[in-house]
C-alpha atoms as a PDB file:
ATOM      1  CA  MET A   1      45.849 -57.228  -7.257  1.00  0.00           C
ATOM      2  CA  ASP A   2      44.240 -53.796  -6.803  1.00  0.00           C
ATOM      3  CA  ILE A   3      41.877 -53.748  -9.803  1.00  0.00           C
ATOM      4  CA  PRO A   4      40.590 -50.164  -9.242  1.00  0.00           C
ATOM      5  CA  LEU A   5      44.168 -48.863  -9.039  1.00  0.00           C
ATOM      6  CA  MET A   6      45.113 -50.685 -12.242  1.00  0.00           C
ATOM      7  CA  ALA A   7      42.083 -49.122 -13.928  1.00  0.00           C
ATOM      8  CA  TYR A   8      43.164 -45.674 -12.693  1.00  0.00           C
ATOM      9  CA  PHE A   9      46.614 -46.191 -14.222  1.00  0.00           C
ATOM     10  CA  ALA A  10      45.190 -47.463 -17.501  1.00  0.00           C
ATOM     11  CA  PHE A  11      42.740 -44.578 -17.968  1.00  0.00           C
ATOM     12  CA  TRP A  12      45.286 -42.001 -16.790  1.00  0.00           C
ATOM     13  CA  TYR A  13      47.742 -43.192 -19.442  1.00  0.00           C
ATOM     14  CA  LEU A  14      45.044 -43.454 -22.105  1.00  0.00           C
ATOM     15  CA  GLY A  15      43.733 -39.994 -21.274  1.00  0.00           C
ATOM     16  CA  ASN A  16      47.171 -38.402 -21.368  1.00  0.00           C
ATOM     17  CA  THR A  17      48.056 -40.120 -24.653  1.00  0.00           C
ATOM     18  CA  PHE A  18      44.750 -39.224 -26.301  1.00  0.00           C
ATOM     19  CA  TYR A  19      45.063 -35.641 -25.061  1.00  0.00           C
ATOM     20  CA  ASN A  20      48.438 -35.221 -26.758  1.00  0.00           C
ATOM     21  CA  ILE A  21      47.122 -36.754 -29.990  1.00  0.00           C
ATOM     22  CA  GLN A  22      43.906 -34.686 -30.000  1.00  0.00           C
ATOM     23  CA  ASN A  23      45.723 -31.513 -28.970  1.00  0.00           C
ATOM     24  CA  LYS A  24      48.277 -31.857 -31.766  1.00  0.00           C
ATOM     25  CA  GLY A  25      45.468 -32.785 -34.181  1.00  0.00           C
ATOM     26  CA  ALA A  26      43.567 -29.590 -33.308  1.00  0.00           C
ATOM     27  CA  LEU A  27      46.716 -27.473 -33.634  1.00  0.00           C
ATOM     28  CA  ASN A  28      47.584 -29.012 -37.003  1.00  0.00           C
ATOM     29  CA  ALA A  29      44.013 -28.434 -38.224  1.00  0.00           C
ATOM     30  CA  THR A  30      44.349 -24.686 -37.499  1.00  0.00           C
ATOM     31  CA  GLY A  31      47.474 -24.495 -39.654  1.00  0.00           C
ATOM     32  CA  GLY A  32      50.112 -25.142 -37.013  1.00  0.00           C
ATOM     33  CA  LYS A  33      52.831 -22.788 -35.845  1.00  0.00           C
ATOM     34  CA  HIS A  34      52.600 -20.253 -38.666  1.00  0.00           C
ATOM     35  CA  ALA A  35      48.807 -19.808 -38.412  1.00  0.00           C
ATOM     36  CA  GLY A  36      49.168 -18.705 -34.785  1.00  0.00           C
ATOM     37  CA  TYR A  37      46.060 -20.121 -33.080  1.00  0.00           C
ATOM     38  CA  GLY A  38      47.879 -21.828 -30.199  1.00  0.00           C
ATOM     39  CA  MET A  39      46.540 -19.526 -27.482  1.00  0.00           C
ATOM     40  CA  THR A  40      42.999 -19.885 -28.825  1.00  0.00           C
ATOM     41  CA  VAL A  41      43.212 -23.684 -28.709  1.00  0.00           C
ATOM     42  CA  ALA A  42      44.709 -23.654 -25.196  1.00  0.00           C
ATOM     43  CA  THR A  43      42.054 -21.257 -23.860  1.00  0.00           C
ATOM     44  CA  LEU A  44      39.101 -23.097 -25.401  1.00  0.00           C
ATOM     45  CA  GLN A  45      40.376 -26.383 -23.960  1.00  0.00           C
ATOM     46  CA  LEU A  46      40.117 -24.786 -20.515  1.00  0.00           C
ATOM     47  CA  GLY A  47      36.690 -23.503 -21.578  1.00  0.00           C
ATOM     48  CA  VAL A  48      35.521 -27.072 -22.223  1.00  0.00           C
ATOM     49  CA  GLY A  49      36.728 -28.043 -18.741  1.00  0.00           C
ATOM     50  CA  THR A  50      34.949 -25.016 -17.283  1.00  0.00           C
ATOM     51  CA  ILE A  51      31.612 -26.034 -18.828  1.00  0.00           C
ATOM     52  CA  TYR A  52      32.133 -29.589 -17.554  1.00  0.00           C
ATOM     53  CA  SER A  53      32.858 -28.281 -14.024  1.00  0.00           C
ATOM     54  CA  PHE A  54      29.688 -26.184 -13.907  1.00  0.00           C
ATOM     55  CA  LEU A  55      27.582 -29.065 -15.238  1.00  0.00           C
ATOM     56  CA  ILE A  56      28.846 -31.348 -12.469  1.00  0.00           C
ATOM     57  CA  TRP A  57      28.232 -28.701  -9.803  1.00  0.00           C
ATOM     58  CA  ILE A  58      24.755 -27.766 -11.059  1.00  0.00           C
ATOM     59  CA  VAL A  59      23.334 -30.944 -12.641  1.00  0.00           C
ATOM     60  CA  GLY A  60      25.405 -33.650 -10.991  1.00  0.00           C
ATOM     61  CA  LYS A  61      26.873 -36.822 -12.393  1.00  0.00           C
ATOM     62  CA  ASN A  62      23.703 -38.058 -14.091  1.00  0.00           C
ATOM     63  CA  PHE A  63      24.215 -35.746 -17.074  1.00  0.00           C
ATOM     64  CA  LEU A  64      26.745 -38.291 -18.380  1.00  0.00           C
ATOM     65  CA  PRO A  65      24.569 -41.317 -19.226  1.00  0.00           C
ATOM     66  CA  CYS A  66      27.248 -42.612 -21.634  1.00  0.00           C
ATOM     67  CA  CYS A  67      29.526 -43.103 -18.643  1.00  0.00           C
ATOM     68  CA  GLY A  68      26.839 -44.698 -16.504  1.00  0.00           C
ATOM     69  CA  GLY A  69      26.727 -41.540 -14.398  1.00  0.00           C
ATOM     70  CA  ALA A  70      30.236 -42.300 -13.118  1.00  0.00           C
ATOM     71  CA  ALA A  71      31.923 -38.915 -13.520  1.00  0.00           C
ATOM     72  CA  PRO A  72      35.205 -38.800 -11.557  1.00  0.00           C
ATOM     73  CA  THR A  73      35.111 -37.244  -8.066  1.00  0.00           C
ATOM     74  CA  VAL A  74      31.688 -35.601  -8.315  1.00  0.00           C
ATOM     75  CA  GLN A  75      31.613 -32.758  -5.789  1.00  0.00           C
ATOM     76  CA  LYS A  76      29.163 -30.316  -4.328  1.00  0.00           C
ATOM     77  CA  PRO A  77      29.839 -26.682  -5.312  1.00  0.00           C
ATOM     78  CA  PRO A  78      32.605 -25.083  -3.197  1.00  0.00           C
ATOM     79  CA  LYS A  79      31.680 -22.499  -0.591  1.00  0.00           C
ATOM     80  CA  LEU A  80      34.363 -19.842  -0.944  1.00  0.00           C
ATOM     81  CA  SER A  81      34.525 -16.194  -0.022  1.00  0.00           C
ATOM     82  CA  PHE A  82      35.866 -13.527  -2.361  1.00  0.00           C
ATOM     83  CA  ALA A  83      39.027 -13.434  -0.222  1.00  0.00           C
ATOM     84  CA  ASP A  84      39.478 -17.196  -0.788  1.00  0.00           C
ATOM     85  CA  LEU A  85      39.189 -16.744  -4.556  1.00  0.00           C
ATOM     86  CA  LEU A  86      41.802 -13.977  -4.469  1.00  0.00           C
ATOM     87  CA  LYS A  87      44.178 -16.309  -2.645  1.00  0.00           C
ATOM     88  CA  MET A  88      43.695 -18.906  -5.376  1.00  0.00           C
ATOM     89  CA  VAL A  89      44.583 -16.497  -8.205  1.00  0.00           C
ATOM     90  CA  PRO A  90      48.378 -17.167  -8.158  1.00  0.00           C
ATOM     91  CA  VAL A  91      47.855 -20.929  -8.449  1.00  0.00           C
ATOM     92  CA  ALA A  92      45.226 -20.519 -11.177  1.00  0.00           C
ATOM     93  CA  PHE A  93      47.425 -18.056 -13.083  1.00  0.00           C
ATOM     94  CA  CYS A  94      50.448 -20.386 -12.972  1.00  0.00           C
ATOM     95  CA  SER A  95      48.278 -23.349 -13.979  1.00  0.00           C
ATOM     96  CA  ALA A  96      46.834 -21.449 -16.957  1.00  0.00           C
ATOM     97  CA  ALA A  97      50.257 -20.167 -17.991  1.00  0.00           C
ATOM     98  CA  ALA A  98      51.806 -23.646 -17.774  1.00  0.00           C
ATOM     99  CA  HIS A  99      48.993 -25.121 -19.876  1.00  0.00           C
ATOM    100  CA  SER A 100      49.091 -22.385 -22.518  1.00  0.00           C
ATOM    101  CA  SER A 101      52.876 -22.534 -22.769  1.00  0.00           C
ATOM    102  CA  SER A 102      52.769 -26.311 -23.196  1.00  0.00           C
ATOM    103  CA  VAL A 103      50.226 -26.014 -26.009  1.00  0.00           C
ATOM    104  CA  LEU A 104      52.298 -23.310 -27.720  1.00  0.00           C
ATOM    105  CA  ALA A 105      55.376 -25.519 -27.420  1.00  0.00           C
ATOM    106  CA  LEU A 106      53.572 -28.461 -29.037  1.00  0.00           C
ATOM    107  CA  ASN A 107      52.224 -26.133 -31.731  1.00  0.00           C
ATOM    108  CA  ALA A 108      55.772 -25.086 -32.616  1.00  0.00           C
ATOM    109  CA  GLY A 109      57.489 -28.476 -32.429  1.00  0.00           C
ATOM    110  CA  SER A 110      56.880 -32.198 -32.293  1.00  0.00           C
ATOM    111  CA  VAL A 111      55.142 -33.971 -29.429  1.00  0.00           C
ATOM    112  CA  SER A 112      58.246 -36.091 -28.790  1.00  0.00           C
ATOM    113  CA  PHE A 113      60.520 -33.029 -28.466  1.00  0.00           C
ATOM    114  CA  GLY A 114      57.991 -31.327 -26.198  1.00  0.00           C
ATOM    115  CA  GLN A 115      57.876 -34.391 -23.943  1.00  0.00           C
ATOM    116  CA  ILE A 116      61.674 -34.520 -23.746  1.00  0.00           C
ATOM    117  CA  VAL A 117      61.922 -30.856 -22.705  1.00  0.00           C
ATOM    118  CA  LYS A 118      59.016 -31.257 -20.289  1.00  0.00           C
ATOM    119  CA  ALA A 119      60.953 -34.104 -18.685  1.00  0.00           C
ATOM    120  CA  GLY A 120      63.394 -31.425 -17.526  1.00  0.00           C
ATOM    121  CA  GLU A 121      60.812 -29.987 -15.142  1.00  0.00           C
ATOM    122  CA  PRO A 122      62.788 -31.034 -12.003  1.00  0.00           C
ATOM    123  CA  VAL A 123      65.651 -28.749 -13.092  1.00  0.00           C
ATOM    124  CA  PHE A 124      63.339 -25.735 -13.107  1.00  0.00           C
ATOM    125  CA  ALA A 125      61.597 -26.869  -9.927  1.00  0.00           C
ATOM    126  CA  ALA A 126      64.942 -27.079  -8.115  1.00  0.00           C
ATOM    127  CA  LEU A 127      65.900 -23.558  -9.183  1.00  0.00           C
ATOM    128  CA  VAL A 128      62.468 -22.070  -8.424  1.00  0.00           C
ATOM    129  CA  ASN A 129      62.229 -23.724  -4.996  1.00  0.00           C
ATOM    130  CA  THR A 130      65.743 -22.560  -4.115  1.00  0.00           C
ATOM    131  CA  ILE A 131      65.393 -18.959  -5.319  1.00  0.00           C
ATOM    132  CA  MET A 132      61.735 -18.191  -4.559  1.00  0.00           C
ATOM    133  CA  TYR A 133      60.857 -20.426  -1.623  1.00  0.00           C
ATOM    134  CA  SER A 134      64.224 -21.052   0.089  1.00  0.00           C
ATOM    135  CA  ASN A 135      63.531 -24.769  -0.150  1.00  0.00           C
ATOM    136  CA  PRO A 136      66.439 -26.273  -2.113  1.00  0.00           C
ATOM    137  CA  PRO A 137      66.542 -29.994  -2.939  1.00  0.00           C
ATOM    138  CA  SER A 138      69.107 -32.289  -1.356  1.00  0.00           C
ATOM    139  CA  LEU A 139      72.668 -32.543  -2.681  1.00  0.00           C
ATOM    140  CA  ALA A 140      71.844 -35.959  -4.113  1.00  0.00           C
ATOM    141  CA  LYS A 141      69.000 -34.440  -6.150  1.00  0.00           C
ATOM    142  CA  TRP A 142      71.226 -31.624  -7.381  1.00  0.00           C
ATOM    143  CA  LEU A 143      73.685 -34.247  -8.643  1.00  0.00           C
ATOM    144  CA  CYS A 144      70.894 -35.880 -10.693  1.00  0.00           C
ATOM    145  CA  LEU A 145      70.106 -32.688 -12.607  1.00  0.00           C
ATOM    146  CA  PRO A 146      73.138 -32.809 -14.976  1.00  0.00           C
ATOM    147  CA  ILE A 147      71.872 -36.213 -16.153  1.00  0.00           C
ATOM    148  CA  VAL A 148      68.497 -34.683 -17.066  1.00  0.00           C
ATOM    149  CA  ILE A 149      70.093 -31.668 -18.772  1.00  0.00           C
ATOM    150  CA  GLY A 150      72.544 -33.875 -20.639  1.00  0.00           C
ATOM    151  CA  GLY A 151      69.740 -36.075 -21.950  1.00  0.00           C
ATOM    152  CA  VAL A 152      67.734 -33.098 -23.210  1.00  0.00           C
ATOM    153  CA  VAL A 153      70.795 -31.600 -24.918  1.00  0.00           C
ATOM    154  CA  PHE A 154      71.781 -34.934 -26.502  1.00  0.00           C
ATOM    155  CA  SER A 155      68.282 -35.335 -27.934  1.00  0.00           C
ATOM    156  CA  CYS A 156      68.806 -32.048 -29.836  1.00  0.00           C
ATOM    157  CA  LEU A 157      71.961 -33.280 -31.581  1.00  0.00           C
ATOM    158  CA  LYS A 158      71.903 -34.066 -35.280  1.00  0.00           C
ATOM    159  CA  PRO A 159      74.787 -35.369 -37.429  1.00  0.00           C
ATOM    160  CA  ASN A 160      75.799 -33.031 -40.261  1.00  0.00           C
ATOM    161  CA  ALA A 161      77.477 -33.604 -43.622  1.00  0.00           C
ATOM    162  CA  ALA A 162      80.940 -33.031 -42.114  1.00  0.00           C
ATOM    163  CA  GLY A 163      80.517 -36.059 -39.875  1.00  0.00           C
ATOM    164  CA  SER A 164      80.213 -34.051 -36.648  1.00  0.00           C
ATOM    165  CA  TYR A 165      77.195 -33.059 -34.602  1.00  0.00           C
ATOM    166  CA  GLU A 166      75.261 -29.830 -34.435  1.00  0.00           C
ATOM    167  CA  ILE A 167      72.428 -28.805 -32.147  1.00  0.00           C
ATOM    168  CA  GLU A 168      69.106 -28.544 -33.960  1.00  0.00           C
ATOM    169  CA  PHE A 169      65.792 -27.695 -32.331  1.00  0.00           C
ATOM    170  CA  ASP A 170      62.859 -25.332 -32.663  1.00  0.00           C
ATOM    171  CA  MET A 171      63.641 -22.314 -30.491  1.00  0.00           C
ATOM    172  CA  THR A 172      59.961 -21.483 -29.928  1.00  0.00           C
ATOM    173  CA  ALA A 173      59.183 -25.033 -28.803  1.00  0.00           C
ATOM    174  CA  LEU A 174      62.174 -25.082 -26.434  1.00  0.00           C
ATOM    175  CA  THR A 175      61.367 -21.648 -24.999  1.00  0.00           C
ATOM    176  CA  MET A 176      57.658 -22.297 -24.436  1.00  0.00           C
ATOM    177  CA  ALA A 177      58.240 -25.767 -22.945  1.00  0.00           C
ATOM    178  CA  SER A 178      60.802 -24.225 -20.579  1.00  0.00           C
ATOM    179  CA  VAL A 179      58.351 -21.452 -19.629  1.00  0.00           C
ATOM    180  CA  ALA A 180      55.742 -24.156 -18.941  1.00  0.00           C
ATOM    181  CA  ASN A 181      58.224 -25.907 -16.640  1.00  0.00           C
ATOM    182  CA  VAL A 182      58.867 -22.681 -14.724  1.00  0.00           C
ATOM    183  CA  PHE A 183      55.166 -21.966 -14.199  1.00  0.00           C
ATOM    184  CA  ALA A 184      54.514 -25.585 -13.206  1.00  0.00           C
ATOM    185  CA  ALA A 185      57.238 -25.296 -10.569  1.00  0.00           C
ATOM    186  CA  VAL A 186      55.886 -21.988  -9.232  1.00  0.00           C
ATOM    187  CA  LYS A 187      52.385 -23.452  -9.191  1.00  0.00           C
ATOM    188  CA  GLY A 188      53.598 -26.271  -6.935  1.00  0.00           C
ATOM    189  CA  GLY A 189      55.154 -23.815  -4.482  1.00  0.00           C
ATOM    190  CA  GLU A 190      52.135 -21.512  -4.470  1.00  0.00           C
ATOM    191  CA  ASN A 191      49.754 -24.434  -4.032  1.00  0.00           C
ATOM    192  CA  SER A 192      51.696 -25.602  -0.967  1.00  0.00           C
ATOM    193  CA  LYS A 193      51.364 -22.119   0.548  1.00  0.00           C
ATOM    194  CA  LEU A 194      47.676 -21.934  -0.380  1.00  0.00           C
ATOM    195  CA  MET A 195      46.770 -25.218   1.288  1.00  0.00           C
ATOM    196  CA  LYS A 196      48.144 -23.922   4.618  1.00  0.00           C
ATOM    197  CA  THR A 197      45.279 -21.383   4.778  1.00  0.00           C
ATOM    198  CA  PRO A 198      43.137 -22.394   7.784  1.00  0.00           C
ATOM    199  CA  GLY A 199      39.834 -23.992   6.766  1.00  0.00           C
ATOM    200  CA  LEU A 200      40.390 -23.570   3.027  1.00  0.00           C
ATOM    201  CA  LYS A 201      40.439 -27.307   2.265  1.00  0.00           C
ATOM    202  CA  GLU A 202      37.059 -27.724   3.915  1.00  0.00           C
ATOM    203  CA  ARG A 203      35.567 -24.739   2.072  1.00  0.00           C
ATOM    204  CA  ILE A 204      36.857 -26.023  -1.278  1.00  0.00           C
ATOM    205  CA  GLY A 205      35.374 -29.448  -0.602  1.00  0.00           C
ATOM    206  CA  GLY A 206      37.968 -31.893  -1.913  1.00  0.00           C
ATOM    207  CA  VAL A 207      40.684 -32.417  -4.521  1.00  0.00           C
ATOM    208  CA  GLY A 208      38.151 -32.633  -7.352  1.00  0.00           C
ATOM    209  CA  ASN A 209      36.787 -29.189  -6.558  1.00  0.00           C
ATOM    210  CA  GLN A 210      40.284 -27.772  -6.189  1.00  0.00           C
ATOM    211  CA  PHE A 211      41.223 -28.886  -9.702  1.00  0.00           C
ATOM    212  CA  ALA A 212      37.871 -27.703 -11.101  1.00  0.00           C
ATOM    213  CA  LEU A 213      38.297 -24.256  -9.536  1.00  0.00           C
ATOM    214  CA  THR A 214      41.811 -23.990 -10.953  1.00  0.00           C
ATOM    215  CA  GLU A 215      40.469 -24.902 -14.394  1.00  0.00           C
ATOM    216  CA  VAL A 216      37.605 -22.385 -14.238  1.00  0.00           C
ATOM    217  CA  MET A 217      39.770 -19.533 -12.949  1.00  0.00           C
ATOM    218  CA  GLY A 218      42.490 -20.437 -15.441  1.00  0.00           C
ATOM    219  CA  PHE A 219      40.013 -20.101 -18.298  1.00  0.00           C
ATOM    220  CA  PHE A 220      38.916 -16.610 -17.244  1.00  0.00           C
ATOM    221  CA  ILE A 221      42.565 -15.589 -16.776  1.00  0.00           C
ATOM    222  CA  SER A 222      43.524 -16.932 -20.233  1.00  0.00           C
ATOM    223  CA  LEU A 223      40.534 -15.410 -22.042  1.00  0.00           C
ATOM    224  CA  PRO A 224      41.745 -11.757 -22.136  1.00  0.00           C
ATOM    225  CA  VAL A 225      45.232 -12.931 -23.186  1.00  0.00           C
ATOM    226  CA  MET A 226      43.687 -14.902 -26.043  1.00  0.00           C
ATOM    227  CA  ILE A 227      41.596 -11.895 -27.097  1.00  0.00           C
ATOM    228  CA  TYR A 228      44.630  -9.598 -27.006  1.00  0.00           C
ATOM    229  CA  LEU A 229      46.928 -11.943 -28.964  1.00  0.00           C
ATOM    230  CA  GLU A 230      44.546 -13.686 -31.366  1.00  0.00           C
ATOM    231  CA  GLY A 231      41.143 -12.048 -30.964  1.00  0.00           C
ATOM    232  CA  HIS A 232      41.415 -10.168 -34.271  1.00  0.00           C
ATOM    233  CA  LYS A 233      41.221 -13.470 -36.166  1.00  0.00           C
ATOM    234  CA  PHE A 234      38.739 -15.299 -33.940  1.00  0.00           C
ATOM    235  CA  GLY A 235      36.081 -15.036 -36.653  1.00  0.00           C
ATOM    236  CA  ALA A 236      38.324 -16.980 -39.015  1.00  0.00           C
ATOM    237  CA  PHE A 237      38.855 -19.576 -36.289  1.00  0.00           C
ATOM    238  CA  VAL A 238      35.091 -19.998 -35.821  1.00  0.00           C
ATOM    239  CA  THR A 239      34.706 -20.438 -39.577  1.00  0.00           C
ATOM    240  CA  MET A 240      37.369 -23.158 -39.513  1.00  0.00           C
ATOM    241  CA  CYS A 241      35.616 -24.922 -36.609  1.00  0.00           C
ATOM    242  CA  THR A 242      32.233 -24.925 -38.347  1.00  0.00           C
ATOM    243  CA  SER A 243      33.665 -26.173 -41.630  1.00  0.00           C
ATOM    244  CA  ASP A 244      36.232 -28.657 -40.285  1.00  0.00           C
ATOM    245  CA  THR A 245      34.811 -31.353 -38.016  1.00  0.00           C
ATOM    246  CA  LYS A 246      38.329 -32.640 -37.327  1.00  0.00           C
ATOM    247  CA  LEU A 247      39.242 -29.334 -35.711  1.00  0.00           C
ATOM    248  CA  SER A 248      36.043 -28.974 -33.684  1.00  0.00           C
ATOM    249  CA  THR A 249      35.989 -32.583 -32.439  1.00  0.00           C
ATOM    250  CA  ASN A 250      39.692 -32.593 -31.547  1.00  0.00           C
ATOM    251  CA  LEU A 251      39.239 -29.306 -29.705  1.00  0.00           C
ATOM    252  CA  ILE A 252      36.329 -30.602 -27.617  1.00  0.00           C
ATOM    253  CA  TYR A 253      37.876 -34.014 -26.998  1.00  0.00           C
ATOM    254  CA  SER A 254      41.259 -32.542 -26.044  1.00  0.00           C
ATOM    255  CA  GLY A 255      39.565 -30.220 -23.537  1.00  0.00           C
ATOM    256  CA  MET A 256      37.696 -33.119 -21.944  1.00  0.00           C
ATOM    257  CA  THR A 257      40.648 -35.518 -21.887  1.00  0.00           C
ATOM    258  CA  PHE A 258      42.880 -32.790 -20.404  1.00  0.00           C
ATOM    259  CA  TYR A 259      40.425 -32.306 -17.551  1.00  0.00           C
ATOM    260  CA  LEU A 260      39.747 -35.995 -16.950  1.00  0.00           C
ATOM    261  CA  TYR A 261      43.302 -37.321 -17.175  1.00  0.00           C
ATOM    262  CA  ASN A 262      44.524 -34.683 -14.719  1.00  0.00           C
ATOM    263  CA  GLU A 263      41.777 -35.641 -12.299  1.00  0.00           C
ATOM    264  CA  LEU A 264      42.559 -39.337 -12.744  1.00  0.00           C
ATOM    265  CA  ALA A 265      46.260 -38.635 -12.193  1.00  0.00           C
ATOM    266  CA  THR A 266      45.420 -36.981  -8.867  1.00  0.00           C
ATOM    267  CA  MET A 267      43.235 -39.918  -7.839  1.00  0.00           C
ATOM    268  CA  THR A 268      45.955 -42.397  -8.843  1.00  0.00           C
ATOM    269  CA  ILE A 269      48.810 -40.676  -7.032  1.00  0.00           C
ATOM    270  CA  LYS A 270      46.677 -40.428  -3.857  1.00  0.00           C
ATOM    271  CA  LYS A 271      46.402 -44.235  -3.832  1.00  0.00           C
ATOM    272  CA  THR A 272      50.113 -44.965  -4.374  1.00  0.00           C
ATOM    273  CA  SER A 273      53.464 -44.397  -2.746  1.00  0.00           C
ATOM    274  CA  ALA A 274      55.853 -41.658  -3.890  1.00  0.00           C
ATOM    275  CA  VAL A 275      58.103 -44.203  -5.617  1.00  0.00           C
ATOM    276  CA  THR A 276      55.190 -45.791  -7.491  1.00  0.00           C
ATOM    277  CA  ALA A 277      54.014 -42.362  -8.599  1.00  0.00           C
ATOM    278  CA  SER A 278      57.523 -41.588  -9.877  1.00  0.00           C
ATOM    279  CA  VAL A 279      57.628 -44.806 -11.889  1.00  0.00           C
ATOM    280  CA  ALA A 280      54.160 -44.033 -13.281  1.00  0.00           C
ATOM    281  CA  ASN A 281      55.096 -40.526 -14.368  1.00  0.00           C
ATOM    282  CA  THR A 282      58.279 -41.817 -15.991  1.00  0.00           C
ATOM    283  CA  ALA A 283      56.471 -44.553 -17.912  1.00  0.00           C
ATOM    284  CA  LYS A 284      53.758 -42.101 -18.974  1.00  0.00           C
ATOM    285  CA  ARG A 285      56.210 -39.858 -20.822  1.00  0.00           C
ATOM    286  CA  VAL A 286      57.713 -42.804 -22.683  1.00  0.00           C
ATOM    287  CA  ILE A 287      54.292 -44.090 -23.762  1.00  0.00           C
ATOM    288  CA  VAL A 288      53.069 -40.663 -24.892  1.00  0.00           C
ATOM    289  CA  MET A 289      56.247 -40.009 -26.853  1.00  0.00           C
ATOM    290  CA  LEU A 290      56.242 -43.365 -28.649  1.00  0.00           C
ATOM    291  CA  VAL A 291      52.517 -43.402 -29.476  1.00  0.00           C
ATOM    292  CA  SER A 292      52.549 -39.785 -30.684  1.00  0.00           C
ATOM    293  CA  ALA A 293      55.592 -40.453 -32.868  1.00  0.00           C
ATOM    294  CA  VAL A 294      53.731 -43.317 -34.571  1.00  0.00           C
ATOM    295  CA  VAL A 295      50.482 -41.357 -35.005  1.00  0.00           C
ATOM    296  CA  PHE A 296      52.110 -38.216 -36.449  1.00  0.00           C
ATOM    297  CA  GLY A 297      54.994 -39.928 -38.250  1.00  0.00           C
ATOM    298  CA  GLU A 298      57.611 -38.106 -36.183  1.00  0.00           C
ATOM    299  CA  ASP A 299      61.215 -39.149 -36.766  1.00  0.00           C
ATOM    300  CA  LEU A 300      62.637 -40.625 -33.555  1.00  0.00           C
ATOM    301  CA  THR A 301      66.336 -40.422 -34.354  1.00  0.00           C
ATOM    302  CA  PHE A 302      68.986 -42.364 -32.469  1.00  0.00           C
ATOM    303  CA  GLU A 303      69.937 -39.169 -30.669  1.00  0.00           C
ATOM    304  CA  LYS A 304      66.339 -38.511 -29.621  1.00  0.00           C
ATOM    305  CA  LYS A 305      65.916 -42.063 -28.334  1.00  0.00           C
ATOM    306  CA  VAL A 306      69.142 -41.988 -26.314  1.00  0.00           C
ATOM    307  CA  GLY A 307      68.587 -38.434 -25.086  1.00  0.00           C
ATOM    308  CA  ALA A 308      65.020 -39.173 -24.010  1.00  0.00           C
ATOM    309  CA  THR A 309      66.113 -42.345 -22.227  1.00  0.00           C
ATOM    310  CA  VAL A 310      68.861 -40.522 -20.322  1.00  0.00           C
ATOM    311  CA  ALA A 311      66.657 -37.535 -19.435  1.00  0.00           C
ATOM    312  CA  ILE A 312      63.718 -39.641 -18.257  1.00  0.00           C
ATOM    313  CA  ALA A 313      66.022 -41.973 -16.304  1.00  0.00           C
ATOM    314  CA  GLY A 314      67.530 -38.887 -14.641  1.00  0.00           C
ATOM    315  CA  VAL A 315      64.060 -37.647 -13.697  1.00  0.00           C
ATOM    316  CA  PHE A 316      63.190 -41.018 -12.212  1.00  0.00           C
ATOM    317  CA  LEU A 317      66.436 -41.106 -10.225  1.00  0.00           C
ATOM    318  CA  TYR A 318      65.780 -37.541  -9.044  1.00  0.00           C
ATOM    319  CA  SER A 319      62.343 -38.610  -7.803  1.00  0.00           C
ATOM    320  CA  ILE A 320      63.537 -41.547  -5.708  1.00  0.00           C
ATOM    321  CA  ILE A 321      67.142 -40.714  -4.751  1.00  0.00           C
ATOM    322  CA  ASP A 322      66.299 -39.354  -1.297  1.00  0.00           C
ATOM    323  CA  ASP A 323      64.255 -42.452  -0.469  1.00  0.00           C
ATOM    324  CA  LEU A 324      67.084 -44.689  -1.631  1.00  0.00           C
ATOM    325  CA  LEU A 325      69.688 -42.887   0.487  1.00  0.00           C
ATOM    326  CA  ARG A 326      67.514 -42.384   3.564  1.00  0.00           C
ATOM    327  CA  PRO A 327      68.750 -44.713   6.338  1.00  0.00           C
ATOM    328  CA  LYS A 328      66.289 -47.390   7.266  1.00  0.00           C
ATOM    329  CA  PRO A 329      64.985 -47.138  10.836  1.00  0.00           C
ATOM    330  CA  LYS A 330      66.443 -49.712  13.152  1.00  0.00           C
ATOM    331  CA  PRO A 331      63.901 -52.254  14.379  1.00  0.00           C
ATOM    332  CA  LYS A 332      62.898 -51.807  17.967  1.00  0.00           C
ATOM    333  CA  PRO A 333      64.158 -54.568  20.271  1.00  0.00           C
ATOM    334  CA  ALA A 334      61.481 -57.049  21.229  1.00  0.00           C
ATOM    335  CA  ASP A 335      60.144 -56.731  24.749  1.00  0.00           C
ATOM    336  CA  LYS A 336      61.591 -59.351  27.070  1.00  0.00           C
ATOM    337  CA  LYS A 337      59.106 -61.765  28.472  1.00  0.00           C
ATOM    338  CA  LEU A 338      58.843 -61.693  32.235  1.00  0.00           C
END
């Protein structure tokens, strides 16, 4: 048994679950959807990760005595030129936009609904890769997408008084979660292009630095958007933070868990096969949805349970279908003994 790998999985899942709980807790403490502080929360979460990144680069891992100095993937500062930073802007912008959109979606709707819509990310990735990067998925993967879409749609159904079904969902939550899926898909394509730049990997100095740079640049990209949309009431937000420890602690903790669970996810996936990673991602969504529903008292209707099961199963099938259908290589004939 690979104990370190099991620990990676455990802390990845815990981090992702706690992030969703702390993120929703911070959003609720600001007043939720109608108060309109979603962009502020999303930006300051990236700000927490930015401070953490600079502390690791400048001070090193020993500034975390509570963790025994064992900060994940401690790296030396990257050595990048201004031209390198410009090349990283598209990835950082898409990363920041995906994060902000996800937070806005969870601010508008329930965590469980957000997770169900986020499970539809392969649908958007297939369309983006086909249209923007001329890299369409296989026919088998295309055939899996109606299963995902059907599951998401079924989860939105609600029986009415007439005994039939009607579609009920929060339009803002659906729109922002879909926007997050689009930016996540574009980020993947742009990151693939970026990593083909000669010598860039070496100048960045590792996966940990790559994620840290994306977080830092994403914060500075999000900051002017936050100021434009919600800057006029930032003073009221500061007052809330200083008077409500629940808001301030959830904000700080959600920023840290967002950074750490993403880094742990990268470390975990690097140590596993593609199929194992697909199973892990599938199980993660189920765990987050169930735990969040219990914590926030969300109503998991029959339709939501069935729809989520179908959508997540479709995502899992999408992830592994090519491996399942790929013909196994024929074993080479044994050399004849002379």
